[in-house]
């Protein structure tokens, strides 16, 4: 039996990223927006594809600032200096990189950027009045249209422990599925992949788990390409659903039910107490998960021991230690 850390984290994800977040001095003022989480922690476990759309289209460093402006009902990216419209050029950068990005497992965008901002950008009228606060950068808009299943997040939102954990979890799951489907896979391989991800899927979307299961079950009787496309769409749709403390507690109880016949009363009591401490926000998720992993290994509880839910990414990232997760 392969250890859970091999099945869950052996694949190294490829992440697209706004270049300034890795420390490149490409911002409008000649500075950068280095993220220590990306460069000092995540960097050890992923490969990067850095992109700065504004620099790629030749705007220079430093450069005049850009802003979103509503013209004729559409949001355009214009220069604050002369009103030049750079929208189409910025969007085309996503098309230029699309072949590489089809192999990416996620993308991290600079927030508040008229080119890369994903959420809640201010939009102005040609006269300079703010007309909306729901804009999206031109590159970010094109990226998400080209690759709708790609996990994408803004750097600013990654300061939230729950959002950070969710995004990284999706990235590593995306990488594992990509590695499987890029291999010479057989129907049994997809079924085994689905079985290992059962608890992870259930912790986000029980219905998504059932939908993906139905697709995996027909892998031996349907066109492999159609099965792969359908499974990919449903798998990523399920994991995109935000989990909750209640869903996690239910999933932990599910693992406990599998292990319970193998444990004595004292260990059962300890596990139930740890799950309840998590449910009532006394302990972080890492506490009951660590106990479950320990007992799965000690009792050689094969099927449970291989569940990606118990180690969805490298432990060193410490993403389940916060009470907010």
C-alpha atoms as a PDB file:
ATOM      1  CA  UNK A   1       0.000   0.000   0.000  1.00  0.00           C
ATOM      2  CA  UNK A   2       1.336   3.449  -0.909  1.00  0.00           C
ATOM      3  CA  UNK A   3       1.561   5.904   2.006  1.00  0.00           C
ATOM      4  CA  UNK A   4      -1.004   8.687   1.884  1.00  0.00           C
ATOM      5  CA  UNK A   5       1.692  11.353   1.488  1.00  0.00           C
ATOM      6  CA  UNK A   6       2.756   9.761  -1.802  1.00  0.00           C
ATOM      7  CA  UNK A   7      -0.745   9.542  -3.254  1.00  0.00           C
ATOM      8  CA  UNK A   8      -1.739  13.020  -2.128  1.00  0.00           C
ATOM      9  CA  UNK A   9       1.275  15.301  -2.611  1.00  0.00           C
ATOM     10  CA  UNK A  10       3.765  13.642  -4.953  1.00  0.00           C
ATOM     11  CA  UNK A  11       2.736  15.787  -7.959  1.00  0.00           C
ATOM     12  CA  UNK A  12       4.314  19.255  -8.117  1.00  0.00           C
ATOM     13  CA  UNK A  13       1.716  21.840  -9.247  1.00  0.00           C
ATOM     14  CA  UNK A  14       2.378  24.531 -11.833  1.00  0.00           C
ATOM     15  CA  UNK A  15       0.986  27.938 -10.861  1.00  0.00           C
ATOM     16  CA  UNK A  16       0.524  31.037 -12.943  1.00  0.00           C
ATOM     17  CA  UNK A  17       1.224  34.194 -10.958  1.00  0.00           C
ATOM     18  CA  UNK A  18       1.423  37.936 -11.339  1.00  0.00           C
ATOM     19  CA  UNK A  19       5.169  38.554 -11.593  1.00  0.00           C
ATOM     20  CA  UNK A  20       5.195  41.335  -8.994  1.00  0.00           C
ATOM     21  CA  UNK A  21       4.008  38.864  -6.333  1.00  0.00           C
ATOM     22  CA  UNK A  22       7.285  36.954  -6.684  1.00  0.00           C
ATOM     23  CA  UNK A  23       9.285  40.147  -6.231  1.00  0.00           C
ATOM     24  CA  UNK A  24       9.789  41.276  -9.833  1.00  0.00           C
ATOM     25  CA  UNK A  25      10.012  45.117  -9.968  1.00  0.00           C
ATOM     26  CA  UNK A  26       7.364  45.493 -12.685  1.00  0.00           C
ATOM     27  CA  UNK A  27       4.652  47.535 -10.969  1.00  0.00           C
ATOM     28  CA  UNK A  28       3.622  50.939 -12.342  1.00  0.00           C
ATOM     29  CA  UNK A  29       5.935  52.693  -9.848  1.00  0.00           C
ATOM     30  CA  UNK A  30       8.913  50.389 -10.447  1.00  0.00           C
ATOM     31  CA  UNK A  31       8.270  48.437  -7.253  1.00  0.00           C
ATOM     32  CA  UNK A  32       6.933  44.970  -6.498  1.00  0.00           C
ATOM     33  CA  UNK A  33       4.316  43.357  -4.245  1.00  0.00           C
ATOM     34  CA  UNK A  34       6.241  40.329  -3.055  1.00  0.00           C
ATOM     35  CA  UNK A  35       4.114  37.827  -1.132  1.00  0.00           C
ATOM     36  CA  UNK A  36       6.090  36.014   1.557  1.00  0.00           C
ATOM     37  CA  UNK A  37       3.612  33.150   1.577  1.00  0.00           C
ATOM     38  CA  UNK A  38       4.307  32.560  -2.113  1.00  0.00           C
ATOM     39  CA  UNK A  39       8.074  33.087  -2.111  1.00  0.00           C
ATOM     40  CA  UNK A  40       8.998  31.692   1.313  1.00  0.00           C
ATOM     41  CA  UNK A  41       6.477  28.870   1.806  1.00  0.00           C
ATOM     42  CA  UNK A  42       4.594  27.769  -1.300  1.00  0.00           C
ATOM     43  CA  UNK A  43       7.674  28.150  -3.498  1.00  0.00           C
ATOM     44  CA  UNK A  44       9.182  24.928  -2.080  1.00  0.00           C
ATOM     45  CA  UNK A  45       6.305  22.823  -3.447  1.00  0.00           C
ATOM     46  CA  UNK A  46       5.209  24.390  -6.752  1.00  0.00           C
ATOM     47  CA  UNK A  47       6.641  25.635 -10.040  1.00  0.00           C
ATOM     48  CA  UNK A  48       5.783  29.138 -11.257  1.00  0.00           C
ATOM     49  CA  UNK A  49       4.713  30.701 -14.531  1.00  0.00           C
ATOM     50  CA  UNK A  50       5.170  34.453 -13.851  1.00  0.00           C
ATOM     51  CA  UNK A  51       3.287  36.899 -16.072  1.00  0.00           C
ATOM     52  CA  UNK A  52       2.988  40.699 -15.982  1.00  0.00           C
ATOM     53  CA  UNK A  53       0.463  41.664 -18.684  1.00  0.00           C
ATOM     54  CA  UNK A  54       1.240  45.383 -18.497  1.00  0.00           C
ATOM     55  CA  UNK A  55       4.972  44.852 -18.955  1.00  0.00           C
ATOM     56  CA  UNK A  56       4.388  42.295 -21.731  1.00  0.00           C
ATOM     57  CA  UNK A  57       2.442  44.756 -23.863  1.00  0.00           C
ATOM     58  CA  UNK A  58       5.266  47.269 -23.573  1.00  0.00           C
ATOM     59  CA  UNK A  59       3.862  49.844 -21.151  1.00  0.00           C
ATOM     60  CA  UNK A  60       7.245  50.194 -19.478  1.00  0.00           C
ATOM     61  CA  UNK A  61       8.403  50.534 -15.877  1.00  0.00           C
ATOM     62  CA  UNK A  62       7.591  52.943 -14.350  1.00  0.00           C
ATOM     63  CA  UNK A  63       4.419  53.865 -16.252  1.00  0.00           C
ATOM     64  CA  UNK A  64       1.245  55.923 -15.903  1.00  0.00           C
ATOM     65  CA  UNK A  65      -1.433  54.259 -13.804  1.00  0.00           C
ATOM     66  CA  UNK A  66      -4.361  52.473 -15.415  1.00  0.00           C
ATOM     67  CA  UNK A  67      -8.032  52.475 -14.440  1.00  0.00           C
ATOM     68  CA  UNK A  68     -11.243  50.765 -15.455  1.00  0.00           C
ATOM     69  CA  UNK A  69     -13.521  53.093 -17.386  1.00  0.00           C
ATOM     70  CA  UNK A  70     -17.041  52.368 -18.585  1.00  0.00           C
ATOM     71  CA  UNK A  71     -17.420  53.223 -22.226  1.00  0.00           C
ATOM     72  CA  UNK A  72     -20.565  52.357 -24.151  1.00  0.00           C
ATOM     73  CA  UNK A  73     -21.658  49.848 -21.503  1.00  0.00           C
ATOM     74  CA  UNK A  74     -18.315  47.996 -21.476  1.00  0.00           C
ATOM     75  CA  UNK A  75     -15.474  48.268 -18.975  1.00  0.00           C
ATOM     76  CA  UNK A  76     -12.212  49.288 -20.603  1.00  0.00           C
ATOM     77  CA  UNK A  77      -8.678  49.605 -19.199  1.00  0.00           C
ATOM     78  CA  UNK A  78      -7.389  53.082 -19.990  1.00  0.00           C
ATOM     79  CA  UNK A  79      -4.292  55.099 -19.189  1.00  0.00           C
ATOM     80  CA  UNK A  80      -4.678  57.857 -16.615  1.00  0.00           C
ATOM     81  CA  UNK A  81      -2.236  59.954 -18.658  1.00  0.00           C
ATOM     82  CA  UNK A  82      -3.771  60.079 -22.117  1.00  0.00           C
ATOM     83  CA  UNK A  83      -6.870  57.836 -22.008  1.00  0.00           C
ATOM     84  CA  UNK A  84      -5.312  55.233 -24.335  1.00  0.00           C
ATOM     85  CA  UNK A  85      -7.305  51.975 -24.314  1.00  0.00           C
ATOM     86  CA  UNK A  86      -5.177  48.893 -23.515  1.00  0.00           C
ATOM     87  CA  UNK A  87      -8.002  46.411 -22.878  1.00  0.00           C
ATOM     88  CA  UNK A  88      -7.606  44.177 -25.905  1.00  0.00           C
ATOM     89  CA  UNK A  89      -3.818  44.039 -25.670  1.00  0.00           C
ATOM     90  CA  UNK A  90      -3.968  43.049 -21.990  1.00  0.00           C
ATOM     91  CA  UNK A  91      -6.581  40.375 -22.687  1.00  0.00           C
ATOM     92  CA  UNK A  92      -4.477  38.970 -25.532  1.00  0.00           C
ATOM     93  CA  UNK A  93      -1.659  38.173 -23.071  1.00  0.00           C
ATOM     94  CA  UNK A  94      -3.861  35.383 -21.675  1.00  0.00           C
ATOM     95  CA  UNK A  95      -4.283  33.987 -25.204  1.00  0.00           C
ATOM     96  CA  UNK A  96      -0.521  34.180 -25.729  1.00  0.00           C
ATOM     97  CA  UNK A  97       0.120  32.017 -22.662  1.00  0.00           C
ATOM     98  CA  UNK A  98      -2.901  29.737 -23.002  1.00  0.00           C
ATOM     99  CA  UNK A  99      -0.984  26.630 -24.114  1.00  0.00           C
ATOM    100  CA  UNK A 100       1.204  26.801 -21.003  1.00  0.00           C
ATOM    101  CA  UNK A 101      -1.744  27.721 -18.814  1.00  0.00           C
ATOM    102  CA  UNK A 102      -3.717  24.674 -19.939  1.00  0.00           C
ATOM    103  CA  UNK A 103      -1.159  22.683 -17.945  1.00  0.00           C
ATOM    104  CA  UNK A 104      -1.336  25.007 -14.950  1.00  0.00           C
ATOM    105  CA  UNK A 105      -3.043  23.973 -11.726  1.00  0.00           C
ATOM    106  CA  UNK A 106      -3.967  27.420 -10.492  1.00  0.00           C
ATOM    107  CA  UNK A 107      -3.340  31.135 -10.839  1.00  0.00           C
ATOM    108  CA  UNK A 108      -2.655  33.864  -8.273  1.00  0.00           C
ATOM    109  CA  UNK A 109      -3.461  37.396  -9.400  1.00  0.00           C
ATOM    110  CA  UNK A 110      -2.456  40.795  -8.005  1.00  0.00           C
ATOM    111  CA  UNK A 111      -5.499  42.343  -6.376  1.00  0.00           C
ATOM    112  CA  UNK A 112      -6.636  45.908  -7.124  1.00  0.00           C
ATOM    113  CA  UNK A 113      -4.937  45.802 -10.522  1.00  0.00           C
ATOM    114  CA  UNK A 114      -6.858  47.035 -13.619  1.00  0.00           C
ATOM    115  CA  UNK A 115      -5.179  44.240 -15.586  1.00  0.00           C
ATOM    116  CA  UNK A 116      -5.036  41.391 -13.028  1.00  0.00           C
ATOM    117  CA  UNK A 117      -7.632  42.252 -10.378  1.00  0.00           C
ATOM    118  CA  UNK A 118     -10.242  39.534 -10.031  1.00  0.00           C
ATOM    119  CA  UNK A 119     -12.874  41.103  -7.789  1.00  0.00           C
ATOM    120  CA  UNK A 120     -14.390  44.415  -6.724  1.00  0.00           C
ATOM    121  CA  UNK A 121     -12.365  46.848  -8.819  1.00  0.00           C
ATOM    122  CA  UNK A 122     -13.685  50.417  -9.010  1.00  0.00           C
ATOM    123  CA  UNK A 123     -15.067  51.460 -12.396  1.00  0.00           C
ATOM    124  CA  UNK A 124     -15.176  55.103 -13.447  1.00  0.00           C
ATOM    125  CA  UNK A 125     -17.042  57.160 -16.003  1.00  0.00           C
ATOM    126  CA  UNK A 126     -15.113  59.053 -18.720  1.00  0.00           C
ATOM    127  CA  UNK A 127     -15.657  62.150 -16.570  1.00  0.00           C
ATOM    128  CA  UNK A 128     -13.899  60.496 -13.623  1.00  0.00           C
ATOM    129  CA  UNK A 129     -16.898  59.644 -11.452  1.00  0.00           C
ATOM    130  CA  UNK A 130     -17.039  56.218  -9.797  1.00  0.00           C
ATOM    131  CA  UNK A 131     -19.959  54.281 -11.282  1.00  0.00           C
ATOM    132  CA  UNK A 132     -19.406  50.735 -10.010  1.00  0.00           C
ATOM    133  CA  UNK A 133     -17.323  48.692  -7.594  1.00  0.00           C
ATOM    134  CA  UNK A 134     -17.586  45.298  -9.237  1.00  0.00           C
ATOM    135  CA  UNK A 135     -15.002  45.512 -12.014  1.00  0.00           C
ATOM    136  CA  UNK A 136     -12.522  42.877 -13.128  1.00  0.00           C
ATOM    137  CA  UNK A 137      -9.149  43.348 -14.798  1.00  0.00           C
ATOM    138  CA  UNK A 138      -8.894  42.730 -18.536  1.00  0.00           C
ATOM    139  CA  UNK A 139      -6.299  39.948 -18.237  1.00  0.00           C
ATOM    140  CA  UNK A 140      -8.159  38.314 -15.329  1.00  0.00           C
ATOM    141  CA  UNK A 141     -11.433  38.419 -17.257  1.00  0.00           C
ATOM    142  CA  UNK A 142      -9.912  36.747 -20.310  1.00  0.00           C
ATOM    143  CA  UNK A 143      -8.035  34.183 -18.197  1.00  0.00           C
ATOM    144  CA  UNK A 144     -11.159  33.019 -16.386  1.00  0.00           C
ATOM    145  CA  UNK A 145     -13.111  32.779 -19.643  1.00  0.00           C
ATOM    146  CA  UNK A 146     -10.412  30.721 -21.357  1.00  0.00           C
ATOM    147  CA  UNK A 147      -9.909  28.369 -18.381  1.00  0.00           C
ATOM    148  CA  UNK A 148     -13.150  28.269 -16.376  1.00  0.00           C
ATOM    149  CA  UNK A 149     -12.109  25.279 -14.232  1.00  0.00           C
ATOM    150  CA  UNK A 150      -8.709  26.673 -13.244  1.00  0.00           C
ATOM    151  CA  UNK A 151      -8.470  27.560  -9.526  1.00  0.00           C
ATOM    152  CA  UNK A 152      -7.872  31.319  -9.501  1.00  0.00           C
ATOM    153  CA  UNK A 153      -7.438  33.562  -6.489  1.00  0.00           C
ATOM    154  CA  UNK A 154      -6.313  37.092  -5.631  1.00  0.00           C
ATOM    155  CA  UNK A 155      -3.217  37.644  -3.540  1.00  0.00           C
ATOM    156  CA  UNK A 156      -5.095  39.843  -1.066  1.00  0.00           C
ATOM    157  CA  UNK A 157      -7.696  37.189  -0.307  1.00  0.00           C
ATOM    158  CA  UNK A 158      -4.972  34.638   0.471  1.00  0.00           C
ATOM    159  CA  UNK A 159      -4.385  36.434   3.768  1.00  0.00           C
ATOM    160  CA  UNK A 160      -7.636  34.822   4.913  1.00  0.00           C
ATOM    161  CA  UNK A 161      -6.723  31.418   6.421  1.00  0.00           C
ATOM    162  CA  UNK A 162      -9.828  29.625   5.164  1.00  0.00           C
ATOM    163  CA  UNK A 163      -9.557  31.002   1.615  1.00  0.00           C
ATOM    164  CA  UNK A 164      -5.841  30.191   1.522  1.00  0.00           C
ATOM    165  CA  UNK A 165      -6.417  26.594   2.634  1.00  0.00           C
ATOM    166  CA  UNK A 166      -9.237  26.136   0.132  1.00  0.00           C
ATOM    167  CA  UNK A 167      -7.214  27.491  -2.779  1.00  0.00           C
ATOM    168  CA  UNK A 168      -4.102  25.403  -2.046  1.00  0.00           C
ATOM    169  CA  UNK A 169      -6.238  22.308  -1.575  1.00  0.00           C
ATOM    170  CA  UNK A 170      -7.822  22.843  -5.004  1.00  0.00           C
ATOM    171  CA  UNK A 171      -4.422  23.442  -6.605  1.00  0.00           C
ATOM    172  CA  UNK A 172      -2.957  20.130  -5.421  1.00  0.00           C
ATOM    173  CA  UNK A 173      -6.131  18.234  -6.316  1.00  0.00           C
ATOM    174  CA  UNK A 174      -6.026  19.812  -9.792  1.00  0.00           C
ATOM    175  CA  UNK A 175      -2.393  18.712 -10.165  1.00  0.00           C
ATOM    176  CA  UNK A 176      -3.185  15.115  -9.196  1.00  0.00           C
ATOM    177  CA  UNK A 177      -6.048  14.877 -11.676  1.00  0.00           C
ATOM    178  CA  UNK A 178      -3.971  16.499 -14.413  1.00  0.00           C
ATOM    179  CA  UNK A 179      -1.142  14.011 -13.808  1.00  0.00           C
ATOM    180  CA  UNK A 180      -3.578  11.108 -14.040  1.00  0.00           C
ATOM    181  CA  UNK A 181      -5.232  12.277 -17.248  1.00  0.00           C
ATOM    182  CA  UNK A 182      -1.882  13.081 -18.890  1.00  0.00           C
ATOM    183  CA  UNK A 183      -0.776   9.486 -18.259  1.00  0.00           C
ATOM    184  CA  UNK A 184      -1.744   6.347 -20.130  1.00  0.00           C
ATOM    185  CA  UNK A 185      -4.659   5.852 -17.748  1.00  0.00           C
ATOM    186  CA  UNK A 186      -7.147   3.005 -17.712  1.00  0.00           C
ATOM    187  CA  UNK A 187     -10.717   3.037 -16.340  1.00  0.00           C
ATOM    188  CA  UNK A 188      -9.580   1.362 -13.120  1.00  0.00           C
ATOM    189  CA  UNK A 189      -7.113   4.229 -12.553  1.00  0.00           C
ATOM    190  CA  UNK A 190      -9.898   6.811 -12.632  1.00  0.00           C
ATOM    191  CA  UNK A 191     -12.008   4.675 -10.302  1.00  0.00           C
ATOM    192  CA  UNK A 192      -9.075   4.393  -7.885  1.00  0.00           C
ATOM    193  CA  UNK A 193      -8.437   8.150  -8.106  1.00  0.00           C
ATOM    194  CA  UNK A 194     -12.069   8.818  -7.296  1.00  0.00           C
ATOM    195  CA  UNK A 195     -11.992   6.420  -4.348  1.00  0.00           C
ATOM    196  CA  UNK A 196      -8.944   8.181  -2.870  1.00  0.00           C
ATOM    197  CA  UNK A 197     -10.695  11.543  -3.165  1.00  0.00           C
ATOM    198  CA  UNK A 198     -14.017  10.406  -1.715  1.00  0.00           C
ATOM    199  CA  UNK A 199     -13.734  12.199   1.623  1.00  0.00           C
ATOM    200  CA  UNK A 200     -12.183  15.309   0.129  1.00  0.00           C
ATOM    201  CA  UNK A 201     -15.052  15.632  -2.335  1.00  0.00           C
ATOM    202  CA  UNK A 202     -17.648  14.889   0.346  1.00  0.00           C
ATOM    203  CA  UNK A 203     -16.223  17.596   2.600  1.00  0.00           C
ATOM    204  CA  UNK A 204     -17.050  20.147  -0.110  1.00  0.00           C
ATOM    205  CA  UNK A 205     -20.052  18.778  -1.973  1.00  0.00           C
ATOM    206  CA  UNK A 206     -21.708  15.408  -1.252  1.00  0.00           C
ATOM    207  CA  UNK A 207     -23.749  15.786  -4.424  1.00  0.00           C
ATOM    208  CA  UNK A 208     -20.569  16.565  -6.370  1.00  0.00           C
ATOM    209  CA  UNK A 209     -19.055  13.365  -5.018  1.00  0.00           C
ATOM    210  CA  UNK A 210     -22.050  11.393  -6.293  1.00  0.00           C
ATOM    211  CA  UNK A 211     -21.941  13.064  -9.711  1.00  0.00           C
ATOM    212  CA  UNK A 212     -18.242  12.400 -10.181  1.00  0.00           C
ATOM    213  CA  UNK A 213     -18.768   8.830  -9.008  1.00  0.00           C
ATOM    214  CA  UNK A 214     -21.367   8.199 -11.688  1.00  0.00           C
ATOM    215  CA  UNK A 215     -18.966   9.494 -14.338  1.00  0.00           C
ATOM    216  CA  UNK A 216     -16.073   7.348 -13.067  1.00  0.00           C
ATOM    217  CA  UNK A 217     -18.324   4.293 -13.060  1.00  0.00           C
ATOM    218  CA  UNK A 218     -18.900   4.541 -16.811  1.00  0.00           C
ATOM    219  CA  UNK A 219     -15.216   4.971 -17.654  1.00  0.00           C
ATOM    220  CA  UNK A 220     -14.976   1.438 -19.027  1.00  0.00           C
ATOM    221  CA  UNK A 221     -17.968   1.744 -21.338  1.00  0.00           C
ATOM    222  CA  UNK A 222     -17.718   5.301 -22.706  1.00  0.00           C
ATOM    223  CA  UNK A 223     -15.292   7.294 -24.830  1.00  0.00           C
ATOM    224  CA  UNK A 224     -12.215   8.054 -22.638  1.00  0.00           C
ATOM    225  CA  UNK A 225     -11.964  11.649 -23.841  1.00  0.00           C
ATOM    226  CA  UNK A 226     -15.599  12.357 -23.025  1.00  0.00           C
ATOM    227  CA  UNK A 227     -15.256  10.700 -19.614  1.00  0.00           C
ATOM    228  CA  UNK A 228     -12.101  12.704 -18.827  1.00  0.00           C
ATOM    229  CA  UNK A 229     -13.753  16.003 -19.805  1.00  0.00           C
ATOM    230  CA  UNK A 230     -16.918  15.279 -17.853  1.00  0.00           C
ATOM    231  CA  UNK A 231     -15.068  14.076 -14.765  1.00  0.00           C
ATOM    232  CA  UNK A 232     -12.707  17.065 -14.835  1.00  0.00           C
ATOM    233  CA  UNK A 233     -15.596  19.537 -14.979  1.00  0.00           C
ATOM    234  CA  UNK A 234     -17.539  17.900 -12.149  1.00  0.00           C
ATOM    235  CA  UNK A 235     -14.455  17.287  -9.992  1.00  0.00           C
ATOM    236  CA  UNK A 236     -13.402  20.925 -10.092  1.00  0.00           C
ATOM    237  CA  UNK A 237     -16.969  22.149  -9.682  1.00  0.00           C
ATOM    238  CA  UNK A 238     -17.315  20.091  -6.511  1.00  0.00           C
ATOM    239  CA  UNK A 239     -14.018  21.254  -4.994  1.00  0.00           C
ATOM    240  CA  UNK A 240     -14.809  24.884  -5.830  1.00  0.00           C
ATOM    241  CA  UNK A 241     -17.666  24.726  -3.301  1.00  0.00           C
ATOM    242  CA  UNK A 242     -16.577  26.233   0.010  1.00  0.00           C
ATOM    243  CA  UNK A 243     -16.546  23.715   2.827  1.00  0.00           C
ATOM    244  CA  UNK A 244     -17.653  24.500   6.384  1.00  0.00           C
ATOM    245  CA  UNK A 245     -16.974  23.451   9.953  1.00  0.00           C
ATOM    246  CA  UNK A 246     -20.105  21.315   9.851  1.00  0.00           C
ATOM    247  CA  UNK A 247     -19.072  19.542   6.653  1.00  0.00           C
ATOM    248  CA  UNK A 248     -15.608  18.906   8.054  1.00  0.00           C
ATOM    249  CA  UNK A 249     -17.073  17.528  11.283  1.00  0.00           C
ATOM    250  CA  UNK A 250     -19.311  15.167   9.300  1.00  0.00           C
ATOM    251  CA  UNK A 251     -16.341  13.989   7.243  1.00  0.00           C
ATOM    252  CA  UNK A 252     -14.244  13.421  10.348  1.00  0.00           C
ATOM    253  CA  UNK A 253     -17.104  11.415  11.863  1.00  0.00           C
ATOM    254  CA  UNK A 254     -17.202   9.337   8.680  1.00  0.00           C
ATOM    255  CA  UNK A 255     -13.526   8.416   9.065  1.00  0.00           C
ATOM    256  CA  UNK A 256     -14.107   7.721  12.754  1.00  0.00           C
ATOM    257  CA  UNK A 257     -16.912   5.312  11.854  1.00  0.00           C
ATOM    258  CA  UNK A 258     -14.521   3.377   9.633  1.00  0.00           C
ATOM    259  CA  UNK A 259     -11.867   3.207  12.330  1.00  0.00           C
ATOM    260  CA  UNK A 260     -14.046   2.686  15.369  1.00  0.00           C
ATOM    261  CA  UNK A 261     -14.223  -1.154  15.219  1.00  0.00           C
ATOM    262  CA  UNK A 262     -10.406  -1.256  15.312  1.00  0.00           C
ATOM    263  CA  UNK A 263      -9.991   0.956  18.387  1.00  0.00           C
ATOM    264  CA  UNK A 264     -10.416   0.484  22.115  1.00  0.00           C
ATOM    265  CA  UNK A 265     -12.743   2.670  24.163  1.00  0.00           C
ATOM    266  CA  UNK A 266     -10.027   5.087  25.273  1.00  0.00           C
ATOM    267  CA  UNK A 267      -8.872   5.869  21.726  1.00  0.00           C
ATOM    268  CA  UNK A 268     -12.466   6.166  20.497  1.00  0.00           C
ATOM    269  CA  UNK A 269     -13.171   8.653  23.266  1.00  0.00           C
ATOM    270  CA  UNK A 270     -10.074  10.710  22.418  1.00  0.00           C
ATOM    271  CA  UNK A 271     -10.996  10.875  18.751  1.00  0.00           C
ATOM    272  CA  UNK A 272     -14.591  11.898  19.412  1.00  0.00           C
ATOM    273  CA  UNK A 273     -13.406  14.543  21.866  1.00  0.00           C
ATOM    274  CA  UNK A 274     -10.964  15.961  19.283  1.00  0.00           C
ATOM    275  CA  UNK A 275     -13.678  16.109  16.622  1.00  0.00           C
ATOM    276  CA  UNK A 276     -16.031  17.853  19.044  1.00  0.00           C
ATOM    277  CA  UNK A 277     -13.301  20.338  20.008  1.00  0.00           C
ATOM    278  CA  UNK A 278     -12.914  21.180  16.340  1.00  0.00           C
ATOM    279  CA  UNK A 279     -16.666  21.475  15.805  1.00  0.00           C
ATOM    280  CA  UNK A 280     -16.984  23.885  18.734  1.00  0.00           C
ATOM    281  CA  UNK A 281     -13.968  25.985  17.614  1.00  0.00           C
ATOM    282  CA  UNK A 282     -11.733  24.965  20.502  1.00  0.00           C
ATOM    283  CA  UNK A 283      -9.153  23.171  18.344  1.00  0.00           C
ATOM    284  CA  UNK A 284      -7.996  23.615  14.720  1.00  0.00           C
ATOM    285  CA  UNK A 285      -8.745  21.036  12.045  1.00  0.00           C
ATOM    286  CA  UNK A 286      -5.174  19.763  12.222  1.00  0.00           C
ATOM    287  CA  UNK A 287      -5.787  18.193  15.659  1.00  0.00           C
ATOM    288  CA  UNK A 288      -8.474  15.597  14.794  1.00  0.00           C
ATOM    289  CA  UNK A 289      -6.860  15.004  11.389  1.00  0.00           C
ATOM    290  CA  UNK A 290      -3.511  14.192  13.021  1.00  0.00           C
ATOM    291  CA  UNK A 291      -5.179  11.729  15.397  1.00  0.00           C
ATOM    292  CA  UNK A 292      -7.075  10.056  12.572  1.00  0.00           C
ATOM    293  CA  UNK A 293      -3.920   9.741  10.494  1.00  0.00           C
ATOM    294  CA  UNK A 294      -2.063   8.262  13.431  1.00  0.00           C
ATOM    295  CA  UNK A 295      -4.707   5.610  14.061  1.00  0.00           C
ATOM    296  CA  UNK A 296      -5.142   4.855  10.334  1.00  0.00           C
ATOM    297  CA  UNK A 297      -1.419   4.138  10.087  1.00  0.00           C
ATOM    298  CA  UNK A 298      -1.250   2.196  13.346  1.00  0.00           C
ATOM    299  CA  UNK A 299      -4.174  -0.044  12.418  1.00  0.00           C
ATOM    300  CA  UNK A 300      -3.190  -0.290   8.729  1.00  0.00           C
ATOM    301  CA  UNK A 301      -6.667   0.922   7.772  1.00  0.00           C
ATOM    302  CA  UNK A 302      -5.863   0.741   4.059  1.00  0.00           C
ATOM    303  CA  UNK A 303      -8.749   2.525   2.344  1.00  0.00           C
ATOM    304  CA  UNK A 304      -8.963   5.289   4.942  1.00  0.00           C
ATOM    305  CA  UNK A 305      -5.187   5.680   5.123  1.00  0.00           C
ATOM    306  CA  UNK A 306      -4.994   6.579   1.414  1.00  0.00           C
ATOM    307  CA  UNK A 307      -7.675   9.287   1.546  1.00  0.00           C
ATOM    308  CA  UNK A 308      -6.366  12.601   0.222  1.00  0.00           C
ATOM    309  CA  UNK A 309      -8.601  14.384   2.726  1.00  0.00           C
ATOM    310  CA  UNK A 310      -6.161  13.420   5.467  1.00  0.00           C
ATOM    311  CA  UNK A 311      -3.198  15.039   3.652  1.00  0.00           C
ATOM    312  CA  UNK A 312      -4.378  17.151   0.680  1.00  0.00           C
ATOM    313  CA  UNK A 313      -1.067  19.061   0.390  1.00  0.00           C
ATOM    314  CA  UNK A 314       2.340  19.032   2.115  1.00  0.00           C
ATOM    315  CA  UNK A 315       2.077  19.219   5.902  1.00  0.00           C
ATOM    316  CA  UNK A 316       4.836  21.830   5.974  1.00  0.00           C
ATOM    317  CA  UNK A 317       2.403  24.448   4.643  1.00  0.00           C
ATOM    318  CA  UNK A 318       0.575  24.304   8.010  1.00  0.00           C
ATOM    319  CA  UNK A 319      -2.710  25.444   6.508  1.00  0.00           C
ATOM    320  CA  UNK A 320      -5.006  23.558   8.873  1.00  0.00           C
ATOM    321  CA  UNK A 321      -3.579  24.993  12.080  1.00  0.00           C
ATOM    322  CA  UNK A 322      -5.802  28.077  12.124  1.00  0.00           C
ATOM    323  CA  UNK A 323      -9.094  27.976  14.045  1.00  0.00           C
ATOM    324  CA  UNK A 324     -10.800  29.711  11.113  1.00  0.00           C
ATOM    325  CA  UNK A 325     -10.351  26.716   8.791  1.00  0.00           C
END
